[in-house]
């Protein structure tokens, strides 16, 4: 009984810690080792201002080393995931201010998150919203979702990885079309191109994403972390180096107790109990 109470207290601790921080742009909820982060700046269409990105980066850094959290889901409202950057914020910056903007560092902090990051996308993800989607490991989208990089229509271009990550995700021709025309694609086309893994009914998008996150959070934490590390390096490394890095990570997992637990559970026909060691 005492062990059950201790486990319950540990499960509640991250929730209370997250709740103790006042958030202006986000709402956080922790259930079954999955942290759901919702953008709440609906009147601004969840514009990803520097303050919003800083808040998101701070939350991810807070939970990155928390063993009670196995995966994180990002989502927005029913009609908008994130509309992009704040044009008022952009308009106030000249070339010098743009170059000195801390925004690239904020994106890097988000990208360095080591746990699985999933996106549940309803409505539309434009500009910086799509660039945030491109940082996620798994993306589930509603049928009505639109993805786009409309910066070119404003005399701009993507500046937070849109040209680089989109090309590596959907291929050269489609990425060029989206960037150079500013025209969006729908969820079905995004799924066919590899940007989205599943398309759902709008009412089920978050639920389905959370279901997948719960499954991921139930796996051995060190194996999940190593697998994400290997997967993230795919666009950056030649195949020979990627295979070498994969094998190194595979070999390191051989020293973990969770690996032995997983194998023992398989032969014993029981559910494994992973401890993250």
Protein backbone atom coordinates (compact mmCIF):
# COMPACT_ATOMS: atom_id res chain seq x y z
CA UNK A 1 0.00 0.00 0.00
CA UNK A 2 2.80 2.37 0.91
CA UNK A 3 4.55 1.64 -2.42
CA UNK A 4 1.32 2.45 -4.29
CA UNK A 5 1.02 5.76 -2.43
CA UNK A 6 4.62 6.63 -3.23
CA UNK A 7 4.05 5.88 -6.91
CA UNK A 8 0.93 8.03 -6.92
CA UNK A 9 2.81 10.88 -5.26
CA UNK A 10 5.56 10.65 -7.83
CA UNK A 11 3.01 10.74 -10.64
CA UNK A 12 1.39 13.83 -9.14
CA UNK A 13 4.62 15.71 -8.54
CA UNK A 14 5.32 16.83 -12.15
CA UNK A 15 1.68 17.92 -12.52
CA UNK A 16 1.90 20.15 -9.44
CA UNK A 17 5.31 21.46 -10.48
CA UNK A 18 4.01 22.39 -13.93
CA UNK A 19 0.87 23.89 -12.46
CA UNK A 20 2.91 26.06 -10.09
CA UNK A 21 4.32 28.03 -13.03
CA UNK A 22 2.10 30.75 -14.53
CA UNK A 23 1.81 30.36 -18.29
CA UNK A 24 0.65 33.11 -20.61
CA UNK A 25 0.64 31.15 -23.86
CA UNK A 26 0.36 27.51 -22.79
CA UNK A 27 -1.75 25.09 -20.78
CA UNK A 28 -0.22 21.83 -19.51
CA UNK A 29 -1.85 18.55 -18.55
CA UNK A 30 -0.13 15.34 -17.47
CA UNK A 31 -1.92 12.00 -17.85
CA UNK A 32 -0.44 8.49 -18.09
CA UNK A 33 3.13 9.80 -18.43
CA UNK A 34 2.12 11.99 -21.38
CA UNK A 35 2.37 15.76 -21.05
CA UNK A 36 -0.04 17.61 -23.33
CA UNK A 37 0.92 21.22 -24.04
CA UNK A 38 -1.81 23.34 -25.61
CA UNK A 39 -1.26 26.76 -27.16
CA UNK A 40 -3.88 29.10 -25.70
CA UNK A 41 -3.26 32.46 -27.40
CA UNK A 42 -6.34 31.95 -29.57
CA UNK A 43 -7.03 35.64 -30.17
CA UNK A 44 -3.66 35.83 -31.90
CA UNK A 45 -4.20 32.49 -33.69
CA UNK A 46 -1.49 31.00 -31.47
CA UNK A 47 1.16 33.20 -33.07
CA UNK A 48 4.60 31.93 -32.09
CA UNK A 49 6.10 35.10 -30.65
CA UNK A 50 9.48 35.06 -28.99
CA UNK A 51 7.78 35.02 -25.59
CA UNK A 52 5.63 32.04 -26.61
CA UNK A 53 8.64 30.10 -27.91
CA UNK A 54 10.59 30.96 -24.75
CA UNK A 55 7.75 29.65 -22.61
CA UNK A 56 7.57 26.42 -24.63
CA UNK A 57 11.34 25.95 -24.50
CA UNK A 58 11.33 26.47 -20.72
CA UNK A 59 8.61 23.85 -20.18
CA UNK A 60 10.37 21.29 -22.38
CA UNK A 61 13.65 21.87 -20.55
CA UNK A 62 11.85 21.49 -17.22
CA UNK A 63 10.47 18.06 -18.10
CA UNK A 64 13.33 16.72 -20.23
CA UNK A 65 14.96 14.97 -17.30
CA UNK A 66 11.72 13.97 -15.58
CA UNK A 67 11.32 10.20 -15.52
CA UNK A 68 7.58 10.57 -14.89
CA UNK A 69 7.08 12.00 -18.37
CA UNK A 70 7.63 9.69 -21.33
CA UNK A 71 6.34 11.80 -24.22
CA UNK A 72 4.96 15.25 -24.98
CA UNK A 73 2.04 16.23 -27.24
CA UNK A 74 1.74 19.72 -28.72
CA UNK A 75 -1.65 20.96 -29.84
CA UNK A 76 -3.61 24.14 -30.47
CA UNK A 77 -7.28 24.98 -30.75
CA UNK A 78 -9.96 23.34 -32.83
CA UNK A 79 -9.35 25.72 -35.73
CA UNK A 80 -5.65 26.54 -35.49
CA UNK A 81 -2.48 24.79 -34.40
CA UNK A 82 -0.29 27.87 -34.86
CA UNK A 83 -0.58 30.57 -37.51
CA UNK A 84 3.08 31.51 -37.60
CA UNK A 85 5.16 34.37 -36.28
CA UNK A 86 3.66 37.62 -34.99
CA UNK A 87 3.77 40.11 -37.88
CA UNK A 88 3.75 43.06 -35.48
CA UNK A 89 6.86 41.64 -33.85
CA UNK A 90 8.52 41.14 -37.24
CA UNK A 91 7.57 44.60 -38.52
CA UNK A 92 9.26 46.26 -35.55
CA UNK A 93 12.67 44.75 -36.37
CA UNK A 94 15.16 46.13 -38.86
CA UNK A 95 17.97 44.05 -40.38
CA UNK A 96 20.27 44.48 -37.38
CA UNK A 97 17.55 43.59 -34.89
CA UNK A 98 16.56 40.57 -36.98
CA UNK A 99 20.14 39.32 -37.05
CA UNK A 100 20.48 39.77 -33.27
CA UNK A 101 17.09 38.23 -32.51
CA UNK A 102 17.29 35.39 -29.94
CA UNK A 103 14.74 33.41 -31.96
CA UNK A 104 17.26 30.93 -33.48
CA UNK A 105 18.44 30.02 -29.98
CA UNK A 106 14.84 29.45 -28.87
CA UNK A 107 14.25 27.08 -31.80
CA UNK A 108 17.47 25.25 -30.95
CA UNK A 109 16.35 24.77 -27.35
CA UNK A 110 13.10 23.23 -28.55
CA UNK A 111 14.88 21.04 -31.09
CA UNK A 112 17.24 19.69 -28.41
CA UNK A 113 14.36 18.12 -26.44
CA UNK A 114 15.32 14.46 -26.03
CA UNK A 115 11.92 12.87 -25.43
CA UNK A 116 9.43 12.03 -28.20
CA UNK A 117 7.53 15.13 -29.31
CA UNK A 118 4.19 14.62 -31.06
CA UNK A 119 1.91 17.16 -32.75
CA UNK A 120 -1.89 16.98 -32.88
CA UNK A 121 -2.78 19.46 -35.61
CA UNK A 122 -6.26 20.84 -36.26
CA UNK A 123 -7.15 23.74 -38.55
CA UNK A 124 -3.92 25.05 -39.99
CA UNK A 125 -0.18 25.20 -39.30
CA UNK A 126 1.34 28.08 -41.23
CA UNK A 127 4.79 29.66 -41.22
CA UNK A 128 6.46 29.14 -37.87
CA UNK A 129 3.60 26.80 -36.97
CA UNK A 130 4.66 24.44 -39.75
CA UNK A 131 8.31 24.88 -38.78
CA UNK A 132 7.38 23.73 -35.27
CA UNK A 133 5.55 20.73 -36.73
CA UNK A 134 8.73 19.87 -38.61
CA UNK A 135 10.54 19.57 -35.26
CA UNK A 136 8.07 16.97 -34.02
CA UNK A 137 8.73 13.25 -34.22
CA UNK A 138 5.16 12.19 -35.02
CA UNK A 139 2.42 14.33 -36.57
CA UNK A 140 -1.31 13.52 -36.59
CA UNK A 141 -3.60 15.88 -38.50
CA UNK A 142 -7.32 16.41 -38.92
CA UNK A 143 -8.81 16.04 -42.38
CA UNK A 144 -9.40 19.80 -42.67
CA UNK A 145 -5.84 20.76 -41.69
CA UNK A 146 -3.75 22.93 -44.00
CA UNK A 147 0.03 23.21 -43.90
CA UNK A 148 1.81 26.13 -45.50
CA UNK A 149 4.77 28.51 -45.62
CA UNK A 150 3.18 31.79 -46.81
CA UNK A 151 6.17 34.01 -46.05
CA UNK A 152 6.88 34.63 -49.75
CA UNK A 153 3.51 36.43 -50.08
CA UNK A 154 4.80 39.02 -47.58
CA UNK A 155 8.16 39.60 -49.21
CA UNK A 156 9.80 37.20 -46.78
CA UNK A 157 11.00 33.62 -46.70
CA UNK A 158 10.98 30.93 -44.01
CA UNK A 159 13.66 31.58 -41.42
CA UNK A 160 13.33 28.84 -38.80
CA UNK A 161 14.13 25.73 -40.80
CA UNK A 162 11.24 25.80 -43.25
CA UNK A 163 13.33 25.57 -46.42
CA UNK A 164 15.74 23.00 -45.01
CA UNK A 165 13.55 20.66 -42.99
CA UNK A 166 10.59 20.72 -45.37
CA UNK A 167 12.77 19.65 -48.31
CA UNK A 168 14.18 16.81 -46.27
CA UNK A 169 10.69 15.74 -45.22
CA UNK A 170 8.47 16.03 -48.31
CA UNK A 171 11.08 16.15 -51.07
CA UNK A 172 12.54 18.87 -53.28
CA UNK A 173 9.73 19.56 -55.72
CA UNK A 174 6.83 19.84 -53.27
CA UNK A 175 8.92 21.87 -50.82
CA UNK A 176 9.96 24.24 -53.59
CA UNK A 177 6.35 24.63 -54.67
CA UNK A 178 5.17 25.41 -51.15
CA UNK A 179 7.97 27.87 -50.38
CA UNK A 180 8.00 29.69 -53.74
CA UNK A 181 4.23 30.00 -54.14
CA UNK A 182 3.22 30.30 -50.50
CA UNK A 183 0.29 28.00 -51.25
CA UNK A 184 -0.68 25.42 -48.60
CA UNK A 185 -1.30 21.71 -48.94
CA UNK A 186 -4.06 19.70 -47.26
CA UNK A 187 -3.72 16.91 -44.73
CA UNK A 188 -4.06 14.10 -47.28
CA UNK A 189 -1.30 15.51 -49.45
CA UNK A 190 0.83 16.09 -46.36
CA UNK A 191 0.32 12.46 -45.37
CA UNK A 192 1.24 11.19 -48.83
CA UNK A 193 4.39 13.31 -48.76
CA UNK A 194 5.50 12.05 -45.34
CA UNK A 195 4.88 15.20 -43.33
CA UNK A 196 1.97 13.56 -41.48
CA UNK A 197 1.75 9.95 -40.33
CA UNK A 198 -2.04 9.73 -39.91
CA UNK A 199 -5.13 11.75 -40.88
CA UNK A 200 -8.10 11.65 -38.52
CA UNK A 201 -11.50 13.19 -37.96
CA UNK A 202 -11.09 16.59 -36.33
CA UNK A 203 -12.77 15.44 -33.12
CA UNK A 204 -10.32 12.54 -32.76
CA UNK A 205 -7.00 14.20 -33.59
CA UNK A 206 -5.85 14.92 -30.05
CA UNK A 207 -7.18 11.64 -28.69
CA UNK A 208 -5.37 9.61 -31.36
CA UNK A 209 -2.13 11.53 -30.81
CA UNK A 210 -2.33 10.98 -27.07
CA UNK A 211 -2.98 7.27 -27.62
CA UNK A 212 0.24 7.00 -29.61
CA UNK A 213 2.09 9.04 -27.00
CA UNK A 214 0.91 6.68 -24.25
CA UNK A 215 2.23 3.71 -26.24
CA UNK A 216 5.59 5.42 -26.73
CA UNK A 217 5.74 6.41 -23.06
CA UNK A 218 5.24 2.75 -22.10
CA UNK A 219 8.43 1.67 -23.90
CA UNK A 220 11.88 1.49 -22.33
CA UNK A 221 12.95 5.14 -21.82
CA UNK A 222 16.61 4.68 -22.72
CA UNK A 223 15.71 2.76 -25.87
CA UNK A 224 13.24 5.46 -26.91
CA UNK A 225 15.82 8.17 -26.31
CA UNK A 226 18.47 6.31 -28.30
CA UNK A 227 16.06 5.58 -31.15
CA UNK A 228 15.04 9.24 -31.38
CA UNK A 229 18.70 10.26 -31.44
CA UNK A 230 19.40 7.88 -34.31
CA UNK A 231 16.31 8.96 -36.25
CA UNK A 232 17.08 12.67 -35.91
CA UNK A 233 20.49 12.14 -37.49
CA UNK A 234 19.10 10.58 -40.66
CA UNK A 235 18.95 13.87 -42.64
CA UNK A 236 22.34 15.01 -41.34
CA UNK A 237 24.62 11.99 -41.74
CA UNK A 238 25.71 9.91 -44.73
CA UNK A 239 24.29 6.40 -44.61
CA UNK A 240 27.61 4.83 -43.59
CA UNK A 241 27.98 7.16 -40.61
CA UNK A 242 24.33 6.79 -39.68
CA UNK A 243 24.65 3.01 -39.63
CA UNK A 244 27.74 3.26 -37.45
CA UNK A 245 25.99 5.58 -35.01
CA UNK A 246 22.94 3.32 -34.95
CA UNK A 247 25.09 0.30 -34.10
CA UNK A 248 26.85 2.20 -31.31
CA UNK A 249 23.55 3.15 -29.73
CA UNK A 250 22.25 -0.40 -30.18
CA UNK A 251 25.33 -1.76 -28.41
CA UNK A 252 25.05 0.70 -25.52
CA UNK A 253 21.51 -0.49 -24.84
CA UNK A 254 22.88 -4.00 -24.30
CA UNK A 255 24.23 -2.75 -20.96
CA UNK A 256 20.84 -1.60 -19.67
CA UNK A 257 18.62 -3.45 -17.24
CA UNK A 258 15.58 -2.52 -19.29
CA UNK A 259 16.90 -4.52 -22.23
CA UNK A 260 17.11 -7.63 -20.06
CA UNK A 261 13.68 -6.87 -18.60
CA UNK A 262 12.18 -6.60 -22.08
CA UNK A 263 13.63 -9.93 -23.17
CA UNK A 264 12.66 -11.68 -19.92
CA UNK A 265 9.12 -10.33 -20.17
CA UNK A 266 8.83 -11.57 -23.74
CA UNK A 267 9.80 -15.12 -22.82
CA UNK A 268 7.64 -15.02 -19.68
CA UNK A 269 4.68 -13.69 -21.70
CA UNK A 270 4.14 -10.75 -19.33
CA UNK A 271 4.14 -6.99 -19.62
CA UNK A 272 7.63 -5.56 -19.05
CA UNK A 273 8.22 -3.15 -16.19
CA UNK A 274 10.79 -0.68 -17.39
CA UNK A 275 12.72 1.42 -14.88
CA UNK A 276 14.77 3.60 -17.22
CA UNK A 277 18.11 2.02 -16.33
